[in-house]
Amino acid sequence: MSEPEHQQNEACEKRQRASRLRYRVIVAAGLALLIACGVRAFLQIQTEPVDARFVPPPGGHVMYLPTPQDVVERMLELAAVSKDDLVYDLGCGDGRVLVTAAKIYGCRCRGYDIDPLRVRDSLQNARRQGVTALVQVEQRDIFTIDLKLHFRRSAY
């Protein structure tokens, strides 16, 4: 092998070693970050009081996780909601889908939630936004509701 080829091979090997070292450093940093986040989350779970919004109700099926408002608005937009529609929200939580639909589109809305605290939140939210005439919320188990009856009616 000639001298220039030898130097070229050495340079290539140096670049490969440097690349492998960079890769290892990045992987090590990523693992350290994951471990740190995991430890922080574990400690946070152990020390923070439980937020009642995220605890499933006794006998409840799921816990409450609010949908971000921008997502609610985009969902209603994609659904092409109009004033003539009746919007249902099964497991309505704080009623943000119902209230947003009623406020922006002026449509009637009906929501159900198994948790009495969420029903209260929904009704308070509708009252604060001035759409109580358009929004109805009931405490019901959505798995026991016969929605066929609701779809046959033209009004509540």
Protein backbone atom coordinates (compact mmCIF):
# COMPACT_ATOMS: atom_id res chain seq x y z
CA MET A 1 0.00 0.00 0.00
CA SER A 2 1.38 3.41 -0.92
CA GLU A 3 1.92 6.19 1.59
CA PRO A 4 -1.06 8.32 0.40
CA GLU A 5 -3.37 5.29 0.58
CA HIS A 6 -2.08 4.50 4.06
CA GLN A 7 -2.71 8.08 5.22
CA GLN A 8 -6.14 7.99 3.63
CA ASN A 9 -7.00 4.75 5.46
CA GLU A 10 -5.76 6.19 8.77
CA ALA A 11 -7.90 9.30 8.27
CA CYS A 12 -10.90 7.14 7.46
CA GLU A 13 -10.34 5.02 10.58
CA LYS A 14 -10.04 8.18 12.71
CA ARG A 15 -13.35 9.47 11.35
CA GLN A 16 -14.98 6.11 12.03
CA ARG A 17 -13.63 6.04 15.61
CA ALA A 18 -14.81 9.60 16.18
CA SER A 19 -18.20 8.71 14.73
CA ARG A 20 -18.50 5.65 16.98
CA LEU A 21 -17.48 7.72 19.99
CA ARG A 22 -20.08 10.39 19.15
CA TYR A 23 -22.70 7.68 18.77
CA ARG A 24 -21.81 6.18 22.16
CA VAL A 25 -21.91 9.58 23.84
CA ILE A 26 -25.33 10.31 22.32
CA VAL A 27 -26.68 6.91 23.37
CA ALA A 28 -25.26 7.33 26.89
CA ALA A 29 -26.75 10.82 27.18
CA GLY A 30 -30.12 9.52 25.94
CA LEU A 31 -30.10 6.68 28.44
CA ALA A 32 -29.12 9.04 31.26
CA LEU A 33 -31.98 11.35 30.28
CA LEU A 34 -34.48 8.48 30.20
CA ILE A 35 -33.32 7.23 33.58
CA ALA A 36 -33.49 10.74 35.06
CA CYS A 37 -37.01 11.25 33.70
CA GLY A 38 -38.11 7.88 35.03
CA VAL A 39 -36.69 8.59 38.48
CA ARG A 40 -38.30 12.04 38.50
CA ALA A 41 -41.67 10.62 37.46
CA PHE A 42 -41.44 7.89 40.10
CA LEU A 43 -40.57 10.41 42.82
CA GLN A 44 -43.29 12.76 41.65
CA ILE A 45 -45.88 9.98 41.80
CA GLN A 46 -44.72 9.08 45.31
CA THR A 47 -44.78 12.64 46.68
CA GLU A 48 -47.55 14.58 44.91
CA PRO A 49 -51.12 14.43 46.15
CA VAL A 50 -53.51 12.69 43.79
CA ASP A 51 -55.53 15.07 41.65
CA ALA A 52 -59.18 14.06 41.98
CA ARG A 53 -59.79 14.79 38.28
CA PHE A 54 -57.58 11.88 37.26
CA VAL A 55 -58.91 9.24 39.62
CA PRO A 56 -61.58 6.90 38.23
CA PRO A 57 -64.87 7.15 40.11
CA PRO A 58 -65.92 4.20 42.26
CA GLY A 59 -67.24 1.62 39.82
CA GLY A 60 -66.15 3.88 36.96
CA HIS A 61 -64.72 2.58 33.73
CA VAL A 62 -61.98 5.06 32.90
CA MET A 63 -60.19 8.02 34.40
CA TYR A 64 -60.77 11.57 33.18
CA LEU A 65 -58.20 13.15 30.90
CA PRO A 66 -59.29 16.49 29.41
CA THR A 67 -58.96 17.02 25.67
CA PRO A 68 -56.90 20.11 24.82
CA GLN A 69 -59.10 22.98 23.62
CA ASP A 70 -57.35 23.31 20.25
CA VAL A 71 -58.03 19.61 19.61
CA VAL A 72 -61.72 20.07 20.54
CA GLU A 73 -62.06 22.96 18.10
CA ARG A 74 -60.35 21.02 15.30
CA MET A 75 -62.53 17.91 15.92
CA LEU A 76 -65.70 19.99 15.65
CA GLU A 77 -64.38 21.68 12.53
CA LEU A 78 -63.55 18.32 10.90
CA ALA A 79 -67.00 17.01 11.84
CA ALA A 80 -68.50 20.03 10.00
CA VAL A 81 -70.88 20.75 12.87
CA SER A 82 -73.72 23.11 12.04
CA LYS A 83 -76.52 24.88 13.92
CA ASP A 84 -78.93 22.11 12.90
CA ASP A 85 -76.86 19.31 14.47
CA LEU A 86 -77.25 17.54 17.79
CA VAL A 87 -73.79 16.82 19.23
CA TYR A 88 -73.36 13.88 21.58
CA ASP A 89 -70.38 13.43 23.90
CA LEU A 90 -70.20 10.07 25.63
CA GLY A 91 -67.96 10.50 28.66
CA CYS A 92 -68.12 14.28 28.41
CA GLY A 93 -65.79 15.11 31.30
CA ASP A 94 -65.86 18.86 31.91
CA GLY A 95 -68.15 19.39 28.90
CA ARG A 96 -65.67 21.30 26.79
CA VAL A 97 -66.75 19.60 23.55
CA LEU A 98 -70.41 20.33 24.27
CA VAL A 99 -69.85 23.90 25.39
CA THR A 100 -67.53 24.69 22.48
CA ALA A 101 -69.99 23.24 19.95
CA ALA A 102 -72.89 25.17 21.47
CA LYS A 103 -70.96 28.41 21.73
CA ILE A 104 -69.30 28.40 18.29
CA TYR A 105 -71.97 26.65 16.19
CA GLY A 106 -75.15 27.31 18.21
CA CYS A 107 -76.15 23.64 18.03
CA ARG A 108 -77.87 21.52 20.65
CA CYS A 109 -75.61 19.23 22.67
CA ARG A 110 -76.12 16.26 24.94
CA GLY A 111 -73.47 14.74 27.17
CA TYR A 112 -73.21 11.78 29.49
CA ASP A 113 -70.69 10.98 32.20
CA ILE A 114 -70.67 8.37 34.93
CA ASP A 115 -68.85 10.64 37.39
CA PRO A 116 -71.08 13.15 39.24
CA LEU A 117 -68.11 15.53 39.63
CA ARG A 118 -67.65 15.66 35.85
CA VAL A 119 -71.38 16.25 35.35
CA ARG A 120 -71.18 19.14 37.80
CA ASP A 121 -68.12 20.53 36.00
CA SER A 122 -69.90 20.27 32.64
CA LEU A 123 -72.98 22.10 33.86
CA GLN A 124 -70.88 24.82 35.52
CA ASN A 125 -68.87 25.22 32.32
CA ALA A 126 -72.09 25.58 30.27
CA ARG A 127 -73.43 28.12 32.77
CA ARG A 128 -70.20 30.17 32.71
CA GLN A 129 -70.25 30.25 28.90
CA GLY A 130 -73.96 31.11 28.71
CA VAL A 131 -75.04 28.04 26.73
CA THR A 132 -77.25 26.20 29.25
CA ALA A 133 -80.24 26.41 26.89
CA LEU A 134 -78.31 24.34 24.33
CA VAL A 135 -76.41 21.90 26.57
CA GLN A 136 -77.83 18.95 28.51
CA VAL A 137 -75.65 16.69 30.64
CA GLU A 138 -76.74 13.59 32.54
CA GLN A 139 -75.00 11.30 34.97
CA ARG A 140 -75.32 7.96 33.21
CA ASP A 141 -73.23 4.92 32.40
CA ILE A 142 -72.70 5.22 28.64
CA PHE A 143 -72.66 1.44 28.32
CA THR A 144 -76.29 1.23 29.46
CA ILE A 145 -77.79 4.05 27.32
CA ASP A 146 -79.97 3.08 24.36
CA LEU A 147 -78.92 5.79 21.93
CA LYS A 148 -81.32 4.50 19.27
CA LEU A 149 -84.13 6.19 21.20
CA HIS A 150 -82.32 9.53 21.09
CA PHE A 151 -81.68 9.36 17.36
CA ARG A 152 -85.39 8.79 16.63
CA ARG A 153 -86.37 12.01 18.42
CA SER A 154 -86.06 15.35 16.71
CA ALA A 155 -85.69 17.28 20.00
CA TYR A 156 -84.74 16.42 23.53
